[in-house]
Amino acid sequence: MSTSEQGEAQDLQPAHLPDRDPATAADRLRRRQGDQQLLNRLRERGFRGIEYEMFADELARYAIPVLCGWMFSGYIFPLAAERGFRLAPTATELDRLRRDPAVREELASMTVAQALRQFRSRALVGGGWNVDGGASLTTYFTGSCVFVFPNEFRRYRRAERQDLIEPAGEATAQDPAGLVAGNLWVDDCLAKLDPRTRAIVELSMNGYSHAEIVDMLDETSVRAVEGVLHRFRTTQKARLQREGE
């Protein structure tokens, strides 16, 4: 990724604004003109074949580290909010994104995979990108990823919360209450808990072991933490069963 491309990615806004620096603007115009020539070749081949695959791979290699950086800093969330997606990440979710590169990589890869499909149909085949739009193809694609990220983050959030309610081996395909628990979870659930339970649940949801939670919250024992989580799961499953009725 060139320095000017990095600047484009970091300065990405909901509407791409023309660059105010004449020299930089000229450089970017030349790059967009090169993108137009590439786009013309890809269109002649129906956006298929080895050249398109190489182009898509280049887009992914460009966007994934940018998205990972935005997740590490938390910048992805105000970017998404500017586009109307208010994800309201919790402190523990932000901490997980900062400390766990595997989570960032997975979220970025899933986002890019979905964004590539939409980008092909809307920006390329549908003509959504044009040379006068102010953004190179790579920067335009990264902007497309910001629109896709909220759905991927919500899937990640639901999976994390379902894993908390339904630990491995506790529920099966014959346990409908356990299976629907994650899907029926609402964001205000944690807000309704007492401070101690909420802290233990959030830490467990974000991957901390019971022993780590004991140290972090000065709990009396691992068994005490397990008891809080057991009561939480039991209460939530009972609530879900009542609502199901």
C-alpha atoms as a PDB file:
ATOM      1  CA  MET A   1       0.000   0.000   0.000  1.00  0.00           C
ATOM      2  CA  SER A   2       1.500   3.343  -1.017  1.00  0.00           C
ATOM      3  CA  THR A   3       1.650   6.344   1.298  1.00  0.00           C
ATOM      4  CA  SER A   4      -0.970   8.177  -0.729  1.00  0.00           C
ATOM      5  CA  GLU A   5      -3.272   5.132  -0.649  1.00  0.00           C
ATOM      6  CA  GLN A   6      -2.888   4.927   3.117  1.00  0.00           C
ATOM      7  CA  GLY A   7      -3.896   8.578   3.303  1.00  0.00           C
ATOM      8  CA  GLU A   8      -6.963   7.888   1.207  1.00  0.00           C
ATOM      9  CA  ALA A   9      -8.018   5.004   3.433  1.00  0.00           C
ATOM     10  CA  GLN A  10      -7.506   6.929   6.645  1.00  0.00           C
ATOM     11  CA  ASP A  11      -9.334   9.991   5.307  1.00  0.00           C
ATOM     12  CA  LEU A  12     -12.303   8.001   4.033  1.00  0.00           C
ATOM     13  CA  GLN A  13     -15.568   9.881   4.549  1.00  0.00           C
ATOM     14  CA  PRO A  14     -19.223   9.003   3.844  1.00  0.00           C
ATOM     15  CA  ALA A  15     -18.974  11.123   0.694  1.00  0.00           C
ATOM     16  CA  HIS A  16     -15.559  11.129  -0.975  1.00  0.00           C
ATOM     17  CA  LEU A  17     -14.389  14.729  -1.152  1.00  0.00           C
ATOM     18  CA  PRO A  18     -11.889  15.967  -3.768  1.00  0.00           C
ATOM     19  CA  ASP A  19      -8.365  16.304  -2.459  1.00  0.00           C
ATOM     20  CA  ARG A  20      -7.431  19.879  -1.561  1.00  0.00           C
ATOM     21  CA  ASP A  21      -3.723  19.498  -2.347  1.00  0.00           C
ATOM     22  CA  PRO A  22      -3.205  20.029  -6.129  1.00  0.00           C
ATOM     23  CA  ALA A  23      -0.199  17.733  -6.387  1.00  0.00           C
ATOM     24  CA  THR A  24      -1.859  14.963  -4.428  1.00  0.00           C
ATOM     25  CA  ALA A  25      -5.064  15.445  -6.379  1.00  0.00           C
ATOM     26  CA  ALA A  26      -3.136  15.103  -9.642  1.00  0.00           C
ATOM     27  CA  ASP A  27      -1.467  11.916  -8.447  1.00  0.00           C
ATOM     28  CA  ARG A  28      -4.788  10.462  -7.425  1.00  0.00           C
ATOM     29  CA  LEU A  29      -6.388  11.435 -10.717  1.00  0.00           C
ATOM     30  CA  ARG A  30      -3.668   9.576 -12.596  1.00  0.00           C
ATOM     31  CA  ARG A  31      -4.253   6.523 -10.427  1.00  0.00           C
ATOM     32  CA  ARG A  32      -8.015   6.698 -11.022  1.00  0.00           C
ATOM     33  CA  GLN A  33      -7.398   6.949 -14.754  1.00  0.00           C
ATOM     34  CA  GLY A  34      -5.284   3.803 -14.507  1.00  0.00           C
ATOM     35  CA  ASP A  35      -8.129   2.194 -12.564  1.00  0.00           C
ATOM     36  CA  GLN A  36     -10.500   3.117 -15.397  1.00  0.00           C
ATOM     37  CA  GLN A  37      -8.265   1.371 -17.929  1.00  0.00           C
ATOM     38  CA  LEU A  38      -8.162  -1.720 -15.714  1.00  0.00           C
ATOM     39  CA  LEU A  39     -11.928  -1.585 -15.275  1.00  0.00           C
ATOM     40  CA  ASN A  40     -12.413  -1.455 -19.037  1.00  0.00           C
ATOM     41  CA  ARG A  41     -10.307  -4.606 -19.479  1.00  0.00           C
ATOM     42  CA  LEU A  42     -12.150  -6.421 -16.702  1.00  0.00           C
ATOM     43  CA  ARG A  43     -15.505  -5.434 -18.190  1.00  0.00           C
ATOM     44  CA  GLU A  44     -14.499  -6.874 -21.570  1.00  0.00           C
ATOM     45  CA  ARG A  45     -13.963 -10.210 -19.806  1.00  0.00           C
ATOM     46  CA  GLY A  46     -17.238  -9.999 -17.893  1.00  0.00           C
ATOM     47  CA  PHE A  47     -15.423  -9.461 -14.590  1.00  0.00           C
ATOM     48  CA  ARG A  48     -14.293 -13.084 -14.637  1.00  0.00           C
ATOM     49  CA  GLY A  49     -11.081 -14.980 -15.219  1.00  0.00           C
ATOM     50  CA  ILE A  50      -7.570 -14.833 -13.848  1.00  0.00           C
ATOM     51  CA  GLU A  51      -7.122 -11.065 -14.193  1.00  0.00           C
ATOM     52  CA  TYR A  52     -10.286 -10.391 -12.200  1.00  0.00           C
ATOM     53  CA  GLU A  53      -9.241 -12.936  -9.559  1.00  0.00           C
ATOM     54  CA  MET A  54      -5.883 -11.199  -9.219  1.00  0.00           C
ATOM     55  CA  PHE A  55      -7.645  -7.838  -8.956  1.00  0.00           C
ATOM     56  CA  ALA A  56     -10.011  -9.144  -6.260  1.00  0.00           C
ATOM     57  CA  ASP A  57      -7.043 -10.597  -4.368  1.00  0.00           C
ATOM     58  CA  GLU A  58      -5.309  -7.217  -4.505  1.00  0.00           C
ATOM     59  CA  LEU A  59      -8.416  -5.521  -3.130  1.00  0.00           C
ATOM     60  CA  ALA A  60      -8.543  -8.003  -0.254  1.00  0.00           C
ATOM     61  CA  ARG A  61      -4.835  -7.591   0.533  1.00  0.00           C
ATOM     62  CA  TYR A  62      -5.341  -3.827   0.630  1.00  0.00           C
ATOM     63  CA  ALA A  63      -8.531  -3.763   2.698  1.00  0.00           C
ATOM     64  CA  ILE A  64      -7.894  -6.426   5.363  1.00  0.00           C
ATOM     65  CA  PRO A  65      -5.005  -4.666   7.148  1.00  0.00           C
ATOM     66  CA  VAL A  66      -6.850  -1.344   6.917  1.00  0.00           C
ATOM     67  CA  LEU A  67      -9.944  -2.863   8.543  1.00  0.00           C
ATOM     68  CA  CYS A  68      -7.818  -4.593  11.183  1.00  0.00           C
ATOM     69  CA  GLY A  69      -6.193  -1.258  12.031  1.00  0.00           C
ATOM     70  CA  TRP A  70      -9.559   0.446  12.270  1.00  0.00           C
ATOM     71  CA  MET A  71     -10.839  -2.294  14.580  1.00  0.00           C
ATOM     72  CA  PHE A  72      -7.733  -2.112  16.755  1.00  0.00           C
ATOM     73  CA  SER A  73      -8.183   1.640  17.225  1.00  0.00           C
ATOM     74  CA  GLY A  74     -11.995   1.490  17.377  1.00  0.00           C
ATOM     75  CA  TYR A  75     -12.185   3.913  14.434  1.00  0.00           C
ATOM     76  CA  ILE A  76     -14.389   1.489  12.483  1.00  0.00           C
ATOM     77  CA  PHE A  77     -17.336   2.269  14.776  1.00  0.00           C
ATOM     78  CA  PRO A  78     -17.562   6.054  14.194  1.00  0.00           C
ATOM     79  CA  LEU A  79     -17.061   5.353  10.482  1.00  0.00           C
ATOM     80  CA  ALA A  80     -20.015   2.968  10.563  1.00  0.00           C
ATOM     81  CA  ALA A  81     -22.048   5.429  12.642  1.00  0.00           C
ATOM     82  CA  GLU A  82     -21.499   8.123  10.007  1.00  0.00           C
ATOM     83  CA  ARG A  83     -23.197   5.768   7.576  1.00  0.00           C
ATOM     84  CA  GLY A  84     -26.152   5.182   9.897  1.00  0.00           C
ATOM     85  CA  PHE A  85     -24.958   1.985  11.637  1.00  0.00           C
ATOM     86  CA  ARG A  86     -24.780   2.625  15.382  1.00  0.00           C
ATOM     87  CA  LEU A  87     -23.258  -0.551  16.783  1.00  0.00           C
ATOM     88  CA  ALA A  88     -22.573   0.819  20.295  1.00  0.00           C
ATOM     89  CA  PRO A  89     -19.717  -1.580  21.135  1.00  0.00           C
ATOM     90  CA  THR A  90     -19.242  -2.373  24.799  1.00  0.00           C
ATOM     91  CA  ALA A  91     -15.968  -1.708  26.566  1.00  0.00           C
ATOM     92  CA  THR A  92     -15.277  -5.438  26.620  1.00  0.00           C
ATOM     93  CA  GLU A  93     -15.940  -5.740  22.867  1.00  0.00           C
ATOM     94  CA  LEU A  94     -13.516  -2.901  22.162  1.00  0.00           C
ATOM     95  CA  ASP A  95     -10.957  -4.510  24.449  1.00  0.00           C
ATOM     96  CA  ARG A  96     -11.358  -7.849  22.671  1.00  0.00           C
ATOM     97  CA  LEU A  97     -10.740  -6.222  19.305  1.00  0.00           C
ATOM     98  CA  ARG A  98      -7.630  -4.501  20.639  1.00  0.00           C
ATOM     99  CA  ARG A  99      -6.051  -7.550  22.218  1.00  0.00           C
ATOM    100  CA  ASP A 100      -7.086 -10.379  19.885  1.00  0.00           C
ATOM    101  CA  PRO A 101      -5.627 -10.191  16.358  1.00  0.00           C
ATOM    102  CA  ALA A 102      -7.386 -13.442  15.409  1.00  0.00           C
ATOM    103  CA  VAL A 103     -10.792 -11.841  15.993  1.00  0.00           C
ATOM    104  CA  ARG A 104      -9.806  -8.781  13.972  1.00  0.00           C
ATOM    105  CA  GLU A 105      -8.494 -10.944  11.138  1.00  0.00           C
ATOM    106  CA  GLU A 106     -11.613 -13.108  11.061  1.00  0.00           C
ATOM    107  CA  LEU A 107     -13.974 -10.131  11.070  1.00  0.00           C
ATOM    108  CA  ALA A 108     -11.941  -8.357   8.386  1.00  0.00           C
ATOM    109  CA  SER A 109     -11.789 -11.465   6.187  1.00  0.00           C
ATOM    110  CA  MET A 110     -15.523 -12.118   6.452  1.00  0.00           C
ATOM    111  CA  THR A 111     -16.276  -8.455   5.770  1.00  0.00           C
ATOM    112  CA  VAL A 112     -14.054  -8.410   2.692  1.00  0.00           C
ATOM    113  CA  ALA A 113     -15.528 -11.658   1.350  1.00  0.00           C
ATOM    114  CA  GLN A 114     -19.048 -10.234   1.532  1.00  0.00           C
ATOM    115  CA  ALA A 115     -17.999  -6.803   0.297  1.00  0.00           C
ATOM    116  CA  LEU A 116     -16.325  -8.266  -2.804  1.00  0.00           C
ATOM    117  CA  ARG A 117     -19.625  -9.738  -3.965  1.00  0.00           C
ATOM    118  CA  GLN A 118     -21.471  -6.454  -3.518  1.00  0.00           C
ATOM    119  CA  PHE A 119     -18.612  -4.438  -4.987  1.00  0.00           C
ATOM    120  CA  ARG A 120     -18.598  -6.537  -8.154  1.00  0.00           C
ATOM    121  CA  SER A 121     -22.342  -6.195  -8.710  1.00  0.00           C
ATOM    122  CA  ARG A 122     -22.767  -2.559  -7.677  1.00  0.00           C
ATOM    123  CA  ALA A 123     -19.494  -0.727  -8.251  1.00  0.00           C
ATOM    124  CA  LEU A 124     -18.179  -2.670 -11.256  1.00  0.00           C
ATOM    125  CA  VAL A 125     -21.046  -4.304 -13.141  1.00  0.00           C
ATOM    126  CA  GLY A 126     -23.554  -1.698 -11.962  1.00  0.00           C
ATOM    127  CA  GLY A 127     -21.270   1.253 -12.661  1.00  0.00           C
ATOM    128  CA  GLY A 128     -21.260   2.629  -9.129  1.00  0.00           C
ATOM    129  CA  TRP A 129     -17.584   3.600  -9.370  1.00  0.00           C
ATOM    130  CA  ASN A 130     -16.471   6.238 -11.845  1.00  0.00           C
ATOM    131  CA  VAL A 131     -13.194   7.982 -12.517  1.00  0.00           C
ATOM    132  CA  ASP A 132     -14.543  11.395 -11.449  1.00  0.00           C
ATOM    133  CA  GLY A 133     -15.804  10.173  -8.084  1.00  0.00           C
ATOM    134  CA  GLY A 134     -12.697  11.183  -6.152  1.00  0.00           C
ATOM    135  CA  ALA A 135     -11.629   7.733  -4.910  1.00  0.00           C
ATOM    136  CA  SER A 136      -9.457   5.017  -6.382  1.00  0.00           C
ATOM    137  CA  LEU A 137     -10.944   1.547  -6.783  1.00  0.00           C
ATOM    138  CA  THR A 138      -9.106   0.322  -3.690  1.00  0.00           C
ATOM    139  CA  THR A 139     -10.297   3.213  -1.534  1.00  0.00           C
ATOM    140  CA  TYR A 140     -13.829   2.918  -2.904  1.00  0.00           C
ATOM    141  CA  PHE A 141     -13.777  -0.774  -2.046  1.00  0.00           C
ATOM    142  CA  THR A 142     -12.606  -0.066   1.505  1.00  0.00           C
ATOM    143  CA  GLY A 143     -15.534   2.323   1.857  1.00  0.00           C
ATOM    144  CA  SER A 144     -17.822  -0.483   0.686  1.00  0.00           C
ATOM    145  CA  CYS A 145     -16.386  -2.676   3.434  1.00  0.00           C
ATOM    146  CA  VAL A 146     -17.527  -0.162   6.050  1.00  0.00           C
ATOM    147  CA  PHE A 147     -21.117  -0.713   4.917  1.00  0.00           C
ATOM    148  CA  VAL A 148     -20.724  -4.505   5.210  1.00  0.00           C
ATOM    149  CA  PHE A 149     -18.863  -4.552   8.546  1.00  0.00           C
ATOM    150  CA  PRO A 150     -21.949  -3.874  10.752  1.00  0.00           C
ATOM    151  CA  ASN A 151     -23.660  -7.110   9.671  1.00  0.00           C
ATOM    152  CA  GLU A 152     -20.494  -9.127  10.237  1.00  0.00           C
ATOM    153  CA  PHE A 153     -19.951  -7.526  13.641  1.00  0.00           C
ATOM    154  CA  ARG A 154     -23.532  -8.278  14.647  1.00  0.00           C
ATOM    155  CA  ARG A 155     -23.068 -11.933  13.610  1.00  0.00           C
ATOM    156  CA  TYR A 156     -19.890 -12.065  15.686  1.00  0.00           C
ATOM    157  CA  ARG A 157     -21.705 -10.477  18.643  1.00  0.00           C
ATOM    158  CA  ARG A 158     -24.627 -12.936  18.410  1.00  0.00           C
ATOM    159  CA  ALA A 159     -22.261 -15.893  18.217  1.00  0.00           C
ATOM    160  CA  GLU A 160     -20.324 -14.720  21.259  1.00  0.00           C
ATOM    161  CA  ARG A 161     -23.471 -14.240  23.284  1.00  0.00           C
ATOM    162  CA  GLN A 162     -25.005 -17.527  22.190  1.00  0.00           C
ATOM    163  CA  ASP A 163     -21.807 -19.341  23.192  1.00  0.00           C
ATOM    164  CA  LEU A 164     -22.160 -17.755  26.620  1.00  0.00           C
ATOM    165  CA  ILE A 165     -25.762 -18.877  27.059  1.00  0.00           C
ATOM    166  CA  GLU A 166     -25.194 -22.257  25.417  1.00  0.00           C
ATOM    167  CA  PRO A 167     -21.798 -23.667  26.464  1.00  0.00           C
ATOM    168  CA  ALA A 168     -20.416 -26.590  24.488  1.00  0.00           C
ATOM    169  CA  GLY A 169     -22.216 -29.805  25.383  1.00  0.00           C
ATOM    170  CA  GLU A 170     -25.027 -28.115  27.284  1.00  0.00           C
ATOM    171  CA  ALA A 171     -27.531 -27.770  24.426  1.00  0.00           C
ATOM    172  CA  THR A 172     -28.256 -29.910  21.403  1.00  0.00           C
ATOM    173  CA  ALA A 173     -30.318 -29.681  18.255  1.00  0.00           C
ATOM    174  CA  GLN A 174     -33.215 -31.030  20.336  1.00  0.00           C
ATOM    175  CA  ASP A 175     -32.984 -28.121  22.774  1.00  0.00           C
ATOM    176  CA  PRO A 176     -34.952 -25.278  21.107  1.00  0.00           C
ATOM    177  CA  ALA A 177     -34.651 -22.958  24.090  1.00  0.00           C
ATOM    178  CA  GLY A 178     -30.861 -23.184  23.916  1.00  0.00           C
ATOM    179  CA  LEU A 179     -30.760 -22.777  20.152  1.00  0.00           C
ATOM    180  CA  VAL A 180     -32.918 -19.671  20.036  1.00  0.00           C
ATOM    181  CA  ALA A 181     -31.287 -18.020  23.045  1.00  0.00           C
ATOM    182  CA  GLY A 182     -28.624 -16.286  20.993  1.00  0.00           C
ATOM    183  CA  ASN A 183     -31.088 -15.148  18.344  1.00  0.00           C
ATOM    184  CA  LEU A 184     -33.457 -13.622  20.909  1.00  0.00           C
ATOM    185  CA  TRP A 185     -30.747 -11.852  22.849  1.00  0.00           C
ATOM    186  CA  VAL A 186     -31.255  -8.103  23.047  1.00  0.00           C
ATOM    187  CA  ASP A 187     -28.564  -5.539  23.743  1.00  0.00           C
ATOM    188  CA  ASP A 188     -30.249  -4.211  26.863  1.00  0.00           C
ATOM    189  CA  CYS A 189     -29.974  -7.618  28.566  1.00  0.00           C
ATOM    190  CA  LEU A 190     -26.618  -6.836  30.153  1.00  0.00           C
ATOM    191  CA  ALA A 191     -27.854  -3.438  31.271  1.00  0.00           C
ATOM    192  CA  LYS A 192     -30.525  -5.122  33.411  1.00  0.00           C
ATOM    193  CA  LEU A 193     -28.007  -7.142  35.422  1.00  0.00           C
ATOM    194  CA  ASP A 194     -26.541  -6.124  38.746  1.00  0.00           C
ATOM    195  CA  PRO A 195     -23.000  -4.706  38.436  1.00  0.00           C
ATOM    196  CA  ARG A 196     -21.239  -7.845  39.711  1.00  0.00           C
ATOM    197  CA  THR A 197     -23.108 -10.220  37.420  1.00  0.00           C
ATOM    198  CA  ARG A 198     -22.706  -7.905  34.446  1.00  0.00           C
ATOM    199  CA  ALA A 199     -18.945  -7.682  34.963  1.00  0.00           C
ATOM    200  CA  ILE A 200     -18.552 -11.465  35.229  1.00  0.00           C
ATOM    201  CA  VAL A 201     -20.794 -12.116  32.216  1.00  0.00           C
ATOM    202  CA  GLU A 202     -19.043  -9.568  30.005  1.00  0.00           C
ATOM    203  CA  LEU A 203     -15.588 -10.871  30.886  1.00  0.00           C
ATOM    204  CA  SER A 204     -16.659 -14.457  30.246  1.00  0.00           C
ATOM    205  CA  MET A 205     -18.285 -13.430  26.964  1.00  0.00           C
ATOM    206  CA  ASN A 206     -15.003 -11.878  25.896  1.00  0.00           C
ATOM    207  CA  GLY A 207     -12.930 -14.967  26.471  1.00  0.00           C
ATOM    208  CA  TYR A 208     -11.479 -14.579  29.958  1.00  0.00           C
ATOM    209  CA  SER A 209     -11.138 -17.775  31.966  1.00  0.00           C
ATOM    210  CA  HIS A 210     -12.876 -18.202  35.292  1.00  0.00           C
ATOM    211  CA  ALA A 211      -9.539 -17.988  37.079  1.00  0.00           C
ATOM    212  CA  GLU A 212      -8.717 -14.723  35.303  1.00  0.00           C
ATOM    213  CA  ILE A 213     -12.096 -13.307  36.285  1.00  0.00           C
ATOM    214  CA  VAL A 214     -11.409 -14.203  39.922  1.00  0.00           C
ATOM    215  CA  ASP A 215      -8.165 -12.199  39.796  1.00  0.00           C
ATOM    216  CA  MET A 216      -9.604  -9.274  37.849  1.00  0.00           C
ATOM    217  CA  LEU A 217     -12.708  -8.833  40.021  1.00  0.00           C
ATOM    218  CA  ASP A 218     -11.252 -10.028  43.320  1.00  0.00           C
ATOM    219  CA  GLU A 219     -13.845 -12.804  43.527  1.00  0.00           C
ATOM    220  CA  THR A 220     -13.597 -15.385  46.282  1.00  0.00           C
ATOM    221  CA  SER A 221     -13.168 -18.460  44.066  1.00  0.00           C
ATOM    222  CA  VAL A 222     -13.636 -19.998  40.623  1.00  0.00           C
ATOM    223  CA  ARG A 223     -16.697 -21.788  41.991  1.00  0.00           C
ATOM    224  CA  ALA A 224     -18.253 -18.409  42.861  1.00  0.00           C
ATOM    225  CA  VAL A 225     -17.767 -17.203  39.276  1.00  0.00           C
ATOM    226  CA  GLU A 226     -19.209 -20.452  37.923  1.00  0.00           C
ATOM    227  CA  GLY A 227     -22.223 -20.002  40.178  1.00  0.00           C
ATOM    228  CA  VAL A 228     -22.908 -16.506  38.859  1.00  0.00           C
ATOM    229  CA  LEU A 229     -22.680 -17.701  35.245  1.00  0.00           C
ATOM    230  CA  HIS A 230     -24.872 -20.721  35.944  1.00  0.00           C
ATOM    231  CA  ARG A 231     -27.576 -18.542  37.509  1.00  0.00           C
ATOM    232  CA  PHE A 232     -27.337 -16.129  34.609  1.00  0.00           C
ATOM    233  CA  ARG A 233     -27.784 -18.893  32.001  1.00  0.00           C
ATOM    234  CA  THR A 234     -30.647 -20.452  33.951  1.00  0.00           C
ATOM    235  CA  THR A 235     -32.436 -17.122  34.305  1.00  0.00           C
ATOM    236  CA  GLN A 236     -32.048 -16.238  30.626  1.00  0.00           C
ATOM    237  CA  LYS A 237     -33.225 -19.641  29.402  1.00  0.00           C
ATOM    238  CA  ALA A 238     -36.261 -19.446  31.681  1.00  0.00           C
ATOM    239  CA  ARG A 239     -37.048 -15.973  30.344  1.00  0.00           C
ATOM    240  CA  LEU A 240     -36.712 -17.168  26.771  1.00  0.00           C
ATOM    241  CA  GLN A 241     -39.015 -20.124  27.452  1.00  0.00           C
ATOM    242  CA  ARG A 242     -41.624 -17.792  28.957  1.00  0.00           C
ATOM    243  CA  GLU A 243     -41.432 -15.460  25.980  1.00  0.00           C
ATOM    244  CA  GLY A 244     -41.683 -18.445  23.659  1.00  0.00           C
ATOM    245  CA  GLU A 245     -44.985 -19.364  25.248  1.00  0.00           C
END
